[in-house]
């Protein structure tokens, strides 16, 4: 990127911000230090307190960390940030809610606030196994909680639950046809929709925010929520039902303001089924990867072709259903698109859940990359069941792998379908690391998983779901430091910024977080409850909580629309 660092300091050698009395995990060869200093957007020092404090001047903001753990800013290498921002103010979040009874009460209360023409919608980031009841809601319970307001509850991308008013609003009845791939169970109390195509089609019928002011409000409150957990960067792998460029105007509006809180790298999906070739021809002719759309380096960078290049060649993440088989016709279409995009030397991300899918995609890439002399960066996304042989093929082709914790939320269903032996082998992280493959961590939020990065870190260290079920073998899990490296330095590779961020080092971006608890010493089962108490992106304090309230950035504008669930409940469930 061509963005130059800001130079806030009037006097060279004087810091704008100094943090001291800290346990700073630098993720450099220097290890842990006690203080750091920032000028403009960059670190200018990290070391022992006495030396760093010499950089304090009359205008320096000095923060005493109180002995707390400080880490480089977290970077989710696969989050659907654009769509998450557009939808945040519309959604009732069950992320972290401890009981189904509380979740149903939230629906009841929100139904009283929701105007005609809108829905109460729970759109992912939860698992029935997080609840004390350890079960899904019934449609009768949804109807009882909201007798006249339409309600939709989405579990991952696996099934949709509708109350009576929701089924009626969508015009569903017991006569709706169940096909070989989709199931409609519609009754007196509401209904359940299952199947990959039907689930996507159903949620696409819900109304969205249309006013730009509402979309900007939704997006800025979502980004502040990400800062709450110590996130300072995300890589958006592209999203369905998000129109380019119209649906990207809210994020573009925010990047025109100073102090943008998240470094956002964005990839694009193919926009519609059947129109992929024409879309990629036009987009690769008019767009240029690597362009920063923001005032500063902390902004919005367009990166390349996202994880769905061709809709026919898409293996779904629905672990309630059997693994989908890709047809020869789908692979033929995928090959044509891959050849086009690779010939333009665009970075590529590709959604591949199962090893069988990965094998077929790698067959294509091995041929196409050789044909066109492809030298850009490319990566697999998800790769839950990748084999050692395919890891070797990815390495030979120079690719990376972005892993997420979707099985934190659906692992029990994966275990029931494929058995304990197969479940134990999912995401062989050490094999990937040992192969020397660029590896980044993330969540796939906001639908198959929550945006909480600490749940993902917990998954990589333990292989356990949020309900406590052991899925992955502990032999293939990572140490706490290894997992943190994937969430910082590892993820930076996916936007080509591994020399700019991901650790605390002089001349790197000043992105860091002070944690509520020490990630390296708290009992492992307490890791998912960690939050940031102060988050800094590019030298700007973008989030602060007790005991650092005095450093908090200005309050955001009120949540809009006023009936938004966020105004009443916030985002991720707060303990107590």
Protein backbone atom coordinates (compact mmCIF):
# COMPACT_ATOMS: atom_id res chain seq x y z
CA UNK A 1 0.00 0.00 0.00
CA UNK A 2 1.12 3.57 -0.67
CA UNK A 3 -0.36 5.03 2.54
CA UNK A 4 2.19 7.00 4.57
CA UNK A 5 2.17 6.93 8.39
CA UNK A 6 0.81 9.95 10.20
CA UNK A 7 3.29 12.13 12.07
CA UNK A 8 1.32 13.51 14.99
CA UNK A 9 4.35 14.42 17.09
CA UNK A 10 5.61 17.98 16.75
CA UNK A 11 8.98 16.87 18.13
CA UNK A 12 10.85 13.94 16.65
CA UNK A 13 11.59 11.22 19.17
CA UNK A 14 8.62 12.12 21.37
CA UNK A 15 5.81 9.59 21.58
CA UNK A 16 2.14 10.33 21.10
CA UNK A 17 1.23 7.40 23.35
CA UNK A 18 3.21 5.36 25.87
CA UNK A 19 1.94 2.23 27.59
CA UNK A 20 3.85 1.00 30.63
CA UNK A 21 3.60 -1.37 33.61
CA UNK A 22 2.42 -4.05 31.19
CA UNK A 23 3.13 -7.63 30.18
CA UNK A 24 3.45 -7.05 26.44
CA UNK A 25 3.50 -10.13 24.23
CA UNK A 26 5.43 -8.86 21.21
CA UNK A 27 5.52 -12.09 19.14
CA UNK A 28 9.03 -11.08 18.09
CA UNK A 29 12.37 -12.56 19.01
CA UNK A 30 12.46 -10.12 21.93
CA UNK A 31 9.58 -11.91 23.62
CA UNK A 32 7.81 -10.10 26.46
CA UNK A 33 8.48 -6.47 27.39
CA UNK A 34 6.99 -4.05 29.90
CA UNK A 35 6.37 -0.92 27.81
CA UNK A 36 5.77 0.36 24.30
CA UNK A 37 5.64 3.72 22.56
CA UNK A 38 3.68 4.96 19.55
CA UNK A 39 4.11 7.93 17.23
CA UNK A 40 1.61 8.47 14.46
CA UNK A 41 0.34 5.08 13.34
CA UNK A 42 3.47 3.12 14.22
CA UNK A 43 5.36 1.66 17.14
CA UNK A 44 8.58 3.55 17.78
CA UNK A 45 9.78 1.53 20.76
CA UNK A 46 9.06 -1.64 22.75
CA UNK A 47 11.23 -2.65 25.66
CA UNK A 48 12.01 -2.03 29.27
CA UNK A 49 9.97 0.64 31.00
CA UNK A 50 12.81 2.98 32.01
CA UNK A 51 14.03 3.29 28.44
CA UNK A 52 10.61 3.68 26.84
CA UNK A 53 9.52 6.32 29.36
CA UNK A 54 12.30 8.57 28.06
CA UNK A 55 10.07 9.13 25.00
CA UNK A 56 7.37 10.82 27.09
CA UNK A 57 6.87 14.51 26.30
CA UNK A 58 4.42 17.19 27.44
CA UNK A 59 1.74 16.05 24.98
CA UNK A 60 2.26 12.28 25.33
CA UNK A 61 -0.74 10.25 26.45
CA UNK A 62 0.57 7.87 29.14
CA UNK A 63 -1.35 4.73 30.06
CA UNK A 64 -0.52 2.58 33.09
CA UNK A 65 -1.61 -0.96 32.16
CA UNK A 66 -1.68 -2.03 35.80
CA UNK A 67 0.35 -5.16 35.09
CA UNK A 68 -2.15 -6.47 32.56
CA UNK A 69 -1.46 -8.62 29.51
CA UNK A 70 -1.09 -6.72 26.22
CA UNK A 71 -1.18 -8.46 22.84
CA UNK A 72 -0.88 -7.37 19.21
CA UNK A 73 -4.26 -6.51 17.72
CA UNK A 74 -6.21 -9.61 16.69
CA UNK A 75 -6.92 -10.19 13.00
CA UNK A 76 -9.77 -12.43 11.84
CA UNK A 77 -8.63 -13.79 8.47
CA UNK A 78 -12.13 -14.92 7.50
CA UNK A 79 -15.07 -12.84 8.67
CA UNK A 80 -17.99 -11.54 6.62
CA UNK A 81 -17.50 -8.03 7.93
CA UNK A 82 -19.41 -6.07 5.29
CA UNK A 83 -22.59 -8.12 5.64
CA UNK A 84 -22.12 -8.36 9.40
CA UNK A 85 -22.03 -4.58 9.58
CA UNK A 86 -25.07 -4.08 7.37
CA UNK A 87 -27.12 -6.58 9.40
CA UNK A 88 -25.87 -5.91 12.94
CA UNK A 89 -28.58 -3.47 14.00
CA UNK A 90 -31.29 -5.79 12.65
CA UNK A 91 -30.20 -8.90 14.51
CA UNK A 92 -30.93 -10.24 17.96
CA UNK A 93 -27.68 -11.94 18.97
CA UNK A 94 -27.73 -15.16 20.99
CA UNK A 95 -23.92 -15.24 21.03
CA UNK A 96 -22.90 -16.30 24.54
CA UNK A 97 -26.45 -16.41 25.95
CA UNK A 98 -26.31 -19.09 28.68
CA UNK A 99 -29.85 -20.50 28.51
CA UNK A 100 -32.59 -21.04 25.98
CA UNK A 101 -35.06 -19.56 28.46
CA UNK A 102 -33.15 -16.27 28.36
CA UNK A 103 -32.96 -16.41 24.57
CA UNK A 104 -36.71 -16.89 24.28
CA UNK A 105 -37.31 -14.03 26.71
CA UNK A 106 -35.14 -11.82 24.50
CA UNK A 107 -37.38 -12.72 21.55
CA UNK A 108 -40.49 -11.91 23.59
CA UNK A 109 -39.15 -8.51 24.63
CA UNK A 110 -37.87 -7.64 21.17
CA UNK A 111 -41.19 -8.61 19.54
CA UNK A 112 -42.86 -5.85 21.57
CA UNK A 113 -40.42 -3.31 20.09
CA UNK A 114 -40.41 -4.47 16.48
CA UNK A 115 -42.58 -2.45 14.06
CA UNK A 116 -44.91 -3.87 11.43
CA UNK A 117 -43.05 -5.06 8.37
CA UNK A 118 -39.93 -6.08 10.30
CA UNK A 119 -38.83 -9.31 11.93
CA UNK A 120 -37.22 -10.58 15.08
CA UNK A 121 -34.27 -12.47 13.65
CA UNK A 122 -31.56 -14.55 15.32
CA UNK A 123 -29.04 -15.10 12.55
CA UNK A 124 -26.25 -17.29 13.90
CA UNK A 125 -23.25 -17.26 16.20
CA UNK A 126 -24.86 -19.67 18.69
CA UNK A 127 -25.25 -23.37 19.39
CA UNK A 128 -27.97 -25.27 21.27
CA UNK A 129 -25.16 -26.86 23.27
CA UNK A 130 -24.21 -23.50 24.82
CA UNK A 131 -27.58 -23.44 26.60
CA UNK A 132 -28.11 -25.01 30.00
CA UNK A 133 -31.04 -26.86 28.38
CA UNK A 134 -28.69 -28.18 25.61
CA UNK A 135 -31.37 -28.17 22.92
CA UNK A 136 -32.87 -26.18 20.06
CA UNK A 137 -35.97 -24.05 20.56
CA UNK A 138 -39.23 -25.44 19.21
CA UNK A 139 -41.39 -23.49 16.79
CA UNK A 140 -44.17 -23.60 19.39
CA UNK A 141 -41.87 -21.81 21.84
CA UNK A 142 -41.10 -19.17 19.22
CA UNK A 143 -44.80 -18.63 18.59
CA UNK A 144 -45.52 -18.46 22.30
CA UNK A 145 -42.79 -15.81 22.71
CA UNK A 146 -44.02 -13.78 19.74
CA UNK A 147 -47.61 -14.62 18.76
CA UNK A 148 -48.02 -11.92 16.11
CA UNK A 149 -44.53 -10.69 15.16
CA UNK A 150 -42.65 -12.78 12.57
CA UNK A 151 -39.61 -14.55 14.00
CA UNK A 152 -36.80 -16.34 12.19
CA UNK A 153 -34.04 -18.25 13.98
CA UNK A 154 -31.10 -19.47 11.88
CA UNK A 155 -28.76 -22.16 13.15
CA UNK A 156 -25.54 -21.88 11.15
CA UNK A 157 -26.59 -22.41 7.56
CA UNK A 158 -28.23 -25.70 8.54
CA UNK A 159 -31.83 -24.92 9.39
CA UNK A 160 -34.33 -22.11 9.76
CA UNK A 161 -36.99 -22.07 12.47
CA UNK A 162 -40.07 -19.88 11.95
CA UNK A 163 -42.85 -18.97 14.32
CA UNK A 164 -46.45 -19.02 13.08
CA UNK A 165 -46.36 -15.36 12.01
CA UNK A 166 -43.06 -15.90 10.22
CA UNK A 167 -44.30 -18.88 8.21
CA UNK A 168 -47.47 -16.97 7.33
CA UNK A 169 -45.54 -13.86 6.26
CA UNK A 170 -43.42 -15.99 3.90
CA UNK A 171 -46.51 -17.72 2.56
CA UNK A 172 -45.41 -21.17 3.73
CA UNK A 173 -47.96 -23.88 4.45
CA UNK A 174 -48.03 -27.67 5.00
CA UNK A 175 -48.49 -28.01 1.24
CA UNK A 176 -45.00 -26.71 0.48
CA UNK A 177 -43.01 -29.26 -1.46
CA UNK A 178 -40.15 -31.19 0.03
CA UNK A 179 -37.54 -32.09 -2.59
CA UNK A 180 -34.55 -34.42 -2.61
CA UNK A 181 -32.39 -31.66 -1.14
CA UNK A 182 -34.79 -29.40 0.79
CA UNK A 183 -37.28 -30.08 3.57
CA UNK A 184 -40.24 -27.98 4.68
CA UNK A 185 -41.93 -28.99 7.94
CA UNK A 186 -44.76 -26.46 8.28
CA UNK A 187 -47.45 -26.90 10.91
CA UNK A 188 -49.91 -25.00 13.06
CA UNK A 189 -47.24 -23.46 15.31
CA UNK A 190 -44.75 -22.50 12.61
CA UNK A 191 -42.18 -24.41 10.64
CA UNK A 192 -38.65 -25.66 10.04
CA UNK A 193 -36.79 -25.31 6.74
CA UNK A 194 -33.76 -27.49 6.02
CA UNK A 195 -31.50 -27.96 3.02
CA UNK A 196 -28.74 -25.83 1.59
CA UNK A 197 -30.70 -24.10 -1.16
CA UNK A 198 -33.91 -23.64 0.84
CA UNK A 199 -32.13 -22.16 3.87
CA UNK A 200 -30.32 -19.54 1.78
CA UNK A 201 -33.50 -18.74 -0.15
CA UNK A 202 -35.56 -18.31 3.02
CA UNK A 203 -33.25 -15.91 4.82
CA UNK A 204 -32.83 -13.89 1.61
CA UNK A 205 -36.55 -12.96 1.80
CA UNK A 206 -36.17 -10.90 4.97
CA UNK A 207 -36.15 -7.09 4.63
CA UNK A 208 -32.88 -5.22 5.03
CA UNK A 209 -31.95 -1.73 6.13
CA UNK A 210 -32.32 0.57 3.14
CA UNK A 211 -31.40 4.06 4.41
CA UNK A 212 -27.68 4.85 4.24
CA UNK A 213 -27.74 6.50 7.69
CA UNK A 214 -29.12 3.27 9.22
CA UNK A 215 -26.53 1.19 7.38
CA UNK A 216 -23.71 3.44 8.57
CA UNK A 217 -25.02 3.25 12.15
CA UNK A 218 -25.23 -0.53 11.95
CA UNK A 219 -21.73 -0.85 10.55
CA UNK A 220 -20.04 1.51 13.01
CA UNK A 221 -21.68 -0.20 15.99
CA UNK A 222 -20.55 -3.58 14.64
CA UNK A 223 -16.96 -2.41 14.27
CA UNK A 224 -17.00 -1.02 17.83
CA UNK A 225 -18.27 -4.44 18.96
CA UNK A 226 -15.30 -6.12 17.23
CA UNK A 227 -12.93 -3.70 18.97
CA UNK A 228 -14.48 -4.84 22.26
CA UNK A 229 -12.75 -8.20 21.79
CA UNK A 230 -9.36 -6.82 20.75
CA UNK A 231 -9.89 -7.11 16.99
CA UNK A 232 -8.08 -4.45 14.96
CA UNK A 233 -8.17 -6.17 11.55
CA UNK A 234 -10.45 -8.47 9.58
CA UNK A 235 -10.24 -10.06 6.16
CA UNK A 236 -13.63 -10.30 4.48
CA UNK A 237 -13.67 -13.30 2.14
CA UNK A 238 -16.78 -12.04 0.32
CA UNK A 239 -20.47 -12.56 1.02
CA UNK A 240 -23.68 -13.74 -0.50
CA UNK A 241 -26.68 -11.41 -0.93
CA UNK A 242 -24.37 -8.38 -0.74
CA UNK A 243 -24.40 -6.34 -3.93
CA UNK A 244 -21.19 -4.73 -5.12
CA UNK A 245 -20.70 -1.78 -5.00
CA UNK A 246 -24.08 -0.60 -3.61
CA UNK A 247 -23.92 -2.53 -0.34
CA UNK A 248 -20.36 -1.33 0.29
CA UNK A 249 -21.33 2.35 0.57
CA UNK A 250 -21.70 2.28 4.36
CA UNK A 251 -18.15 1.06 4.91
CA UNK A 252 -16.90 3.50 2.28
CA UNK A 253 -18.63 6.35 4.13
CA UNK A 254 -16.97 5.40 7.41
CA UNK A 255 -13.50 5.19 5.87
CA UNK A 256 -13.77 8.86 4.96
CA UNK A 257 -13.71 9.70 8.66
CA UNK A 258 -10.56 9.86 10.81
CA UNK A 259 -9.88 7.14 13.34
CA UNK A 260 -11.32 4.23 11.35
CA UNK A 261 -11.30 1.39 13.92
CA UNK A 262 -10.63 -1.72 11.81
CA UNK A 263 -8.20 -2.55 9.03
CA UNK A 264 -10.54 -4.24 6.57
CA UNK A 265 -9.29 -6.24 3.60
CA UNK A 266 -12.09 -7.26 1.29
CA UNK A 267 -12.58 -9.99 -1.32
CA UNK A 268 -15.61 -10.35 -3.60
CA UNK A 269 -17.96 -13.29 -4.22
CA UNK A 270 -19.35 -14.04 -7.64
CA UNK A 271 -22.53 -11.98 -7.52
CA UNK A 272 -25.08 -14.36 -9.00
CA UNK A 273 -25.47 -17.96 -10.05
CA UNK A 274 -25.01 -18.34 -13.81
CA UNK A 275 -23.44 -14.94 -14.35
CA UNK A 276 -19.99 -15.69 -12.97
CA UNK A 277 -17.90 -15.41 -16.14
CA UNK A 278 -19.36 -12.06 -17.15
CA UNK A 279 -19.03 -10.74 -13.59
CA UNK A 280 -15.36 -11.70 -13.33
CA UNK A 281 -14.59 -10.36 -16.80
CA UNK A 282 -16.06 -6.99 -15.88
CA UNK A 283 -14.66 -6.85 -12.36
CA UNK A 284 -11.11 -7.84 -13.26
CA UNK A 285 -11.18 -5.21 -16.01
CA UNK A 286 -12.37 -2.35 -13.81
CA UNK A 287 -11.04 -3.08 -10.30
CA UNK A 288 -7.44 -3.13 -9.09
CA UNK A 289 -6.50 -5.30 -6.09
CA UNK A 290 -4.50 -3.74 -3.27
CA UNK A 291 -6.10 -0.30 -3.42
CA UNK A 292 -6.77 1.37 -0.07
CA UNK A 293 -10.09 3.25 -0.09
CA UNK A 294 -9.44 5.03 3.22
CA UNK A 295 -7.72 8.21 4.38
CA UNK A 296 -5.15 6.19 6.33
CA UNK A 297 -3.67 2.73 6.45
CA UNK A 298 -6.38 1.69 8.91
CA UNK A 299 -9.11 1.46 6.33
CA UNK A 300 -10.69 -0.56 3.57
CA UNK A 301 -8.52 -2.38 1.02
CA UNK A 302 -9.93 -4.31 -1.93
CA UNK A 303 -7.94 -7.55 -2.25
CA UNK A 304 -9.25 -9.93 -4.92
CA UNK A 305 -11.59 -12.82 -5.76
CA UNK A 306 -13.42 -14.26 -2.76
CA UNK A 307 -14.26 -17.73 -1.64
CA UNK A 308 -17.10 -18.49 -4.08
CA UNK A 309 -15.75 -18.12 -7.62
CA UNK A 310 -18.56 -20.19 -9.18
CA UNK A 311 -21.77 -20.99 -7.30
CA UNK A 312 -22.14 -24.50 -8.74
CA UNK A 313 -18.74 -25.40 -7.25
CA UNK A 314 -19.61 -24.58 -3.65
CA UNK A 315 -19.53 -27.18 -0.88
CA UNK A 316 -21.76 -26.10 1.95
CA UNK A 317 -20.87 -25.95 5.64
CA UNK A 318 -24.07 -27.72 6.67
CA UNK A 319 -22.99 -30.57 8.92
CA UNK A 320 -26.60 -31.67 9.41
CA UNK A 321 -26.57 -32.82 5.77
CA UNK A 322 -24.32 -35.27 3.90
CA UNK A 323 -21.24 -33.92 2.16
CA UNK A 324 -22.24 -32.48 -1.24
CA UNK A 325 -20.73 -33.99 -4.40
CA UNK A 326 -19.45 -31.60 -7.05
CA UNK A 327 -20.56 -32.53 -10.55
CA UNK A 328 -18.27 -32.59 -13.58
CA UNK A 329 -20.29 -29.69 -15.00
CA UNK A 330 -19.64 -27.68 -11.82
CA UNK A 331 -15.90 -28.34 -12.06
CA UNK A 332 -15.93 -27.34 -15.72
CA UNK A 333 -17.53 -24.02 -14.80
CA UNK A 334 -15.12 -23.55 -11.91
CA UNK A 335 -12.16 -24.20 -14.21
CA UNK A 336 -13.27 -21.51 -16.65
CA UNK A 337 -13.63 -18.96 -13.86
CA UNK A 338 -10.36 -19.94 -12.19
CA UNK A 339 -8.52 -19.62 -15.51
CA UNK A 340 -9.96 -16.14 -16.07
CA UNK A 341 -9.20 -14.82 -12.57
CA UNK A 342 -5.75 -16.42 -12.39
CA UNK A 343 -4.81 -15.03 -15.81
CA UNK A 344 -5.40 -11.55 -14.33
CA UNK A 345 -3.06 -12.46 -11.42
CA UNK A 346 -5.74 -11.71 -8.87
CA UNK A 347 -5.44 -13.09 -5.32
CA UNK A 348 -7.91 -15.95 -4.84
CA UNK A 349 -9.79 -17.37 -1.85
CA UNK A 350 -11.78 -20.60 -2.25
CA UNK A 351 -14.42 -22.10 0.07
CA UNK A 352 -13.60 -25.79 0.59
CA UNK A 353 -14.90 -27.60 3.63
CA UNK A 354 -14.20 -31.24 2.72
CA UNK A 355 -11.05 -33.00 1.58
CA UNK A 356 -12.89 -34.45 -1.42
CA UNK A 357 -13.74 -30.92 -2.60
CA UNK A 358 -10.20 -29.75 -1.93
CA UNK A 359 -8.83 -32.55 -4.12
CA UNK A 360 -10.94 -31.47 -7.08
CA UNK A 361 -10.11 -27.79 -6.66
CA UNK A 362 -6.40 -28.56 -6.42
CA UNK A 363 -6.63 -30.60 -9.64
CA UNK A 364 -7.93 -27.44 -11.32
CA UNK A 365 -5.40 -25.10 -9.74
CA UNK A 366 -2.43 -27.31 -10.59
CA UNK A 367 -3.43 -27.19 -14.25
CA UNK A 368 -4.61 -23.60 -14.51
CA UNK A 369 -1.80 -22.02 -12.49
CA UNK A 370 0.78 -23.73 -14.71
CA UNK A 371 -1.05 -22.63 -17.87
CA UNK A 372 -1.20 -18.93 -16.97
CA UNK A 373 1.99 -18.64 -14.91
CA UNK A 374 0.08 -17.67 -11.78
CA UNK A 375 2.27 -15.99 -9.15
CA UNK A 376 -0.23 -14.20 -6.90
CA UNK A 377 -1.42 -15.30 -3.46
CA UNK A 378 -4.20 -17.82 -3.09
CA UNK A 379 -5.74 -19.69 -0.15
CA UNK A 380 -8.18 -22.35 0.90
CA UNK A 381 -10.85 -21.35 3.38
CA UNK A 382 -12.16 -23.72 6.09
CA UNK A 383 -10.50 -27.08 5.19
CA UNK A 384 -12.02 -28.91 8.17
CA UNK A 385 -11.24 -32.40 6.82
CA UNK A 386 -8.12 -31.73 4.74
CA UNK A 387 -5.71 -34.67 4.41
CA UNK A 388 -1.93 -34.70 4.79
CA UNK A 389 -1.55 -35.37 1.05
CA UNK A 390 -3.60 -32.31 0.14
CA UNK A 391 -1.70 -30.18 2.65
CA UNK A 392 1.44 -31.15 0.72
CA UNK A 393 -0.23 -30.16 -2.56
CA UNK A 394 -1.22 -26.76 -1.14
CA UNK A 395 2.37 -26.24 -0.04
CA UNK A 396 3.69 -27.17 -3.49
CA UNK A 397 1.35 -24.61 -5.11
CA UNK A 398 2.38 -21.86 -2.69
CA UNK A 399 -1.07 -21.50 -1.11
CA UNK A 400 -2.25 -20.60 2.36
CA UNK A 401 -5.05 -21.96 4.53
CA UNK A 402 -7.46 -19.89 6.62
CA UNK A 403 -8.99 -21.96 9.42
CA UNK A 404 -12.03 -21.13 11.54
CA UNK A 405 -13.88 -22.53 14.52
CA UNK A 406 -17.20 -23.39 12.88
CA UNK A 407 -17.05 -26.75 14.65
CA UNK A 408 -17.18 -24.90 17.97
CA UNK A 409 -20.85 -24.40 17.12
CA UNK A 410 -21.76 -27.48 15.07
CA UNK A 411 -19.20 -30.02 16.24
CA UNK A 412 -21.76 -32.22 17.97
CA UNK A 413 -23.58 -32.64 14.65
CA UNK A 414 -20.34 -33.38 12.80
CA UNK A 415 -19.51 -35.99 15.44
CA UNK A 416 -22.92 -37.64 15.11
CA UNK A 417 -22.64 -37.84 11.32
CA UNK A 418 -19.02 -38.85 10.81
CA UNK A 419 -18.04 -40.56 14.05
CA UNK A 420 -15.38 -39.98 16.66
CA UNK A 421 -12.43 -41.23 14.61
CA UNK A 422 -13.10 -38.78 11.78
CA UNK A 423 -13.92 -35.96 14.17
CA UNK A 424 -10.62 -36.46 15.96
CA UNK A 425 -8.69 -35.72 12.76
CA UNK A 426 -10.35 -32.40 11.83
CA UNK A 427 -8.13 -29.40 11.21
CA UNK A 428 -4.69 -30.98 11.65
CA UNK A 429 -3.14 -27.66 12.61
CA UNK A 430 0.29 -29.01 13.51
CA UNK A 431 0.57 -30.79 10.18
CA UNK A 432 -0.21 -27.51 8.43
CA UNK A 433 2.31 -25.60 10.52
CA UNK A 434 4.99 -28.25 10.07
CA UNK A 435 4.46 -28.05 6.30
CA UNK A 436 5.33 -24.35 6.41
CA UNK A 437 2.03 -23.25 4.91
CA UNK A 438 0.86 -19.67 5.64
CA UNK A 439 -1.90 -20.23 8.18
CA UNK A 440 -4.39 -17.70 9.51
CA UNK A 441 -7.16 -17.96 12.09
CA UNK A 442 -10.69 -16.63 12.18
CA UNK A 443 -14.35 -17.39 12.78
CA UNK A 444 -16.46 -17.25 9.58
CA UNK A 445 -18.75 -14.91 11.54
CA UNK A 446 -21.44 -13.85 11.82
CA UNK A 447 -23.61 -16.86 10.91
CA UNK A 448 -21.84 -20.25 11.21
CA UNK A 449 -19.94 -18.92 14.23
CA UNK A 450 -19.74 -15.93 16.53
CA UNK A 451 -17.31 -13.08 15.92
CA UNK A 452 -15.77 -13.63 19.37
CA UNK A 453 -12.10 -14.44 18.60
CA UNK A 454 -11.51 -15.95 22.02
CA UNK A 455 -13.88 -18.81 21.22
CA UNK A 456 -11.75 -19.50 18.15
CA UNK A 457 -8.52 -19.37 20.13
CA UNK A 458 -10.06 -21.76 22.66
CA UNK A 459 -11.00 -24.15 19.84
CA UNK A 460 -7.47 -24.16 18.40
CA UNK A 461 -5.95 -24.93 21.80
CA UNK A 462 -8.48 -27.50 23.04
CA UNK A 463 -10.52 -28.84 20.09
CA UNK A 464 -13.66 -28.46 22.23
CA UNK A 465 -17.03 -26.99 21.27
CA UNK A 466 -18.63 -24.17 23.21
CA UNK A 467 -20.75 -26.89 24.84
CA UNK A 468 -17.60 -28.62 26.10
CA UNK A 469 -17.67 -31.62 23.74
CA UNK A 470 -14.22 -32.86 22.72
CA UNK A 471 -14.13 -33.02 18.92
CA UNK A 472 -10.61 -32.63 17.54
CA UNK A 473 -7.75 -34.67 18.92
CA UNK A 474 -5.75 -32.74 21.46
CA UNK A 475 -2.61 -34.11 19.79
CA UNK A 476 -3.21 -31.84 16.78
CA UNK A 477 -4.05 -28.76 18.82
CA UNK A 478 -1.81 -25.73 19.33
CA UNK A 479 -0.20 -24.05 22.29
CA UNK A 480 -1.67 -20.74 23.38
CA UNK A 481 1.18 -18.80 21.78
CA UNK A 482 0.93 -20.75 18.52
CA UNK A 483 -2.79 -20.03 18.33
CA UNK A 484 -2.23 -16.33 19.04
CA UNK A 485 0.38 -16.19 16.27
CA UNK A 486 -2.19 -17.52 13.80
CA UNK A 487 -4.63 -14.79 14.90
CA UNK A 488 -2.08 -12.02 14.40
CA UNK A 489 1.02 -12.63 12.25
CA UNK A 490 -0.56 -15.60 10.49
CA UNK A 491 -3.67 -13.72 9.43
CA UNK A 492 -1.62 -10.75 8.18
CA UNK A 493 -0.36 -12.90 5.28
CA UNK A 494 -3.83 -13.04 3.77
CA UNK A 495 -3.78 -9.31 3.05
CA UNK A 496 -0.07 -9.18 2.23
CA UNK A 497 0.72 -7.25 5.40
CA UNK A 498 2.91 -9.67 7.34
CA UNK A 499 5.73 -7.07 7.30
CA UNK A 500 3.45 -4.33 8.65
CA UNK A 501 1.34 -5.80 11.45
CA UNK A 502 0.67 -8.79 13.65
CA UNK A 503 3.36 -8.14 16.25
CA UNK A 504 4.72 -5.34 18.42
CA UNK A 505 7.77 -4.15 16.52
CA UNK A 506 9.28 -0.80 15.62
CA UNK A 507 7.80 0.68 12.42
CA UNK A 508 4.89 -1.77 12.43
CA UNK A 509 1.31 -0.55 12.76
CA UNK A 510 0.46 0.36 16.35
CA UNK A 511 -2.39 -2.13 16.80
CA UNK A 512 -2.76 -3.71 20.25
CA UNK A 513 -5.15 -4.59 23.05
CA UNK A 514 -5.02 -4.68 26.84
CA UNK A 515 -6.88 -7.78 28.02
CA UNK A 516 -9.39 -8.26 30.82
CA UNK A 517 -7.54 -11.44 31.89
CA UNK A 518 -4.14 -12.88 31.10
CA UNK A 519 -4.59 -15.17 28.11
CA UNK A 520 -1.44 -17.09 29.00
CA UNK A 521 -2.26 -17.85 32.62
CA UNK A 522 -6.04 -18.04 33.11
CA UNK A 523 -7.52 -21.55 33.28
CA UNK A 524 -8.08 -22.66 29.70
CA UNK A 525 -11.86 -22.86 30.08
CA UNK A 526 -11.90 -19.14 30.98
CA UNK A 527 -10.26 -18.07 27.71
CA UNK A 528 -13.61 -17.62 25.86
CA UNK A 529 -14.65 -15.00 28.43
CA UNK A 530 -11.66 -12.72 27.73
CA UNK A 531 -12.38 -9.26 26.32
CA UNK A 532 -10.30 -6.20 25.64
CA UNK A 533 -10.37 -3.35 28.13
CA UNK A 534 -8.52 -1.02 25.77
CA UNK A 535 -8.03 -1.45 22.01
CA UNK A 536 -5.75 0.68 19.83
CA UNK A 537 -5.74 0.70 16.02
CA UNK A 538 -3.06 2.73 14.29
CA UNK A 539 -2.28 4.67 17.45
CA UNK A 540 -5.94 5.63 17.99
CA UNK A 541 -7.80 4.36 21.04
CA UNK A 542 -10.91 2.83 19.46
CA UNK A 543 -12.40 1.03 22.48
CA UNK A 544 -12.05 1.30 26.25
CA UNK A 545 -13.81 -0.23 29.25
CA UNK A 546 -13.23 -0.17 33.00
CA UNK A 547 -10.72 0.62 34.39
CA UNK A 548 -9.72 2.62 31.31
CA UNK A 549 -13.01 4.48 30.81
CA UNK A 550 -11.25 7.84 30.89
CA UNK A 551 -9.46 6.91 27.65
CA UNK A 552 -12.63 5.88 25.81
CA UNK A 553 -13.22 7.28 22.32
CA UNK A 554 -16.28 9.47 21.75
CA UNK A 555 -19.63 7.70 21.97
CA UNK A 556 -21.08 6.55 18.69
CA UNK A 557 -24.27 8.08 17.40
CA UNK A 558 -27.37 6.35 18.82
CA UNK A 559 -28.26 3.01 17.31
CA UNK A 560 -30.67 3.37 14.40
CA UNK A 561 -33.34 2.41 13.76
CA UNK A 562 -34.39 3.04 17.35
CA UNK A 563 -36.18 -0.31 17.64
CA UNK A 564 -32.95 -2.20 16.85
CA UNK A 565 -32.22 -5.15 19.16
CA UNK A 566 -28.76 -3.67 19.68
CA UNK A 567 -30.30 -0.68 21.45
CA UNK A 568 -31.90 -3.02 23.99
CA UNK A 569 -29.53 -5.98 24.25
CA UNK A 570 -26.19 -4.98 22.72
CA UNK A 571 -24.20 -7.63 20.89
CA UNK A 572 -22.35 -10.55 22.48
CA UNK A 573 -23.90 -11.51 25.82
CA UNK A 574 -22.33 -9.67 28.76
CA UNK A 575 -21.74 -11.66 31.89
CA UNK A 576 -23.70 -10.40 34.89
